[in-house]
Amino acid sequence: MPQHHSPWDSQVIEGVADVLGETRTGLSGPQIGSLLAELRIPDPLDGHTKRHRLRVALQNRQDRDGASNCIIAFITKAMAPVRYRDNPGLRTLRQDALNEVLVYEGLRVNDEGKIARGPKATTLSQAAQHANNLRSELRRRGTHPDVLLYCTTELLMKNSFHAMLEATKSVFDKIRALTGLSGDGASLVDAALALGRTGTPRLAINSLATQTEKDEQTGLANLIKGLSSMFRNPVAHDPRLHRTVTDDELLEVMTTLSMVHRRLDAGSLLP
């Protein structure tokens, strides 16, 4: 007879749903539906937002069973290593985020994708002590998920030098993805964001209706080029032995990169 696991706090269930239903780095809608069906968990809100759909499905089943077994089974299925054979970085990202939630139940997702016992936290400071401190602080600051996606492995290895390099690359990769342009560095930024002779960039971050908005567009382009010159290029060219990247420096750069990502996300392609 399977072990009966005590019900989890509703806020922990919500946290699990927030991680696995996250817009960019969570499971897709069809994946959530498939896992719920496989585990015979009713899915009453198919078509709603992923987070809300998953939270309600798991909460309802826990309430019916009087046990958290359904949630444990869902996480175990979702975090099975075989699912991430082509994208181990995404698995690490989800595992780390889940563990920041599960620590409040004294649990964690281990490297096998299974739920295991671990330290229990009751406060944010305790949770940070049991999580990867740097990554926990980045999440507390609301770091853009695309920044974390590019450097989670380096963060968990406490490799700030390469984490900065990979995080900075994320901006240029996004510009290429949004615009369809190729290239890199300053030439890519100019091709995508510069006003040029026509005053019409490929990707506009605002309506460009006023001089202030045009200055803002130019300012973002210059900021991205500055990030490349100040942080990406030196790290890419200097041996790690000769350059130290402190945690404070990395946090500052990550915060700036997150702002850049959000401005790019809100931008519009122009004809």
Foldseek 3Di string as FASTA:
>chain_A
DDDFAADDDLVLLLLLLCLQLPPPLHDDLVVLVVLCVVLVQDQPDRPDRSSVRSSVSQVVVCVVVNGNVSVQSSQLVRLAVVVQPPPVLSSLVSQLSSQLSCLQVQWGQDPRRGIDGHHHDDDNVVSCVVGLVLVSVCVVLVQDVLLCSQQVVCSVVVNLLVSLQRSLVSLQVVLCVVQVDDDDALVSLCQAQNCPPVHDGQKQLDPSPDPVSSVVSVVLSVVSNVSCVPRNVCSVPDDCVVDDDDSVNSSVSSSVSRVSVVSRVNIDGDD
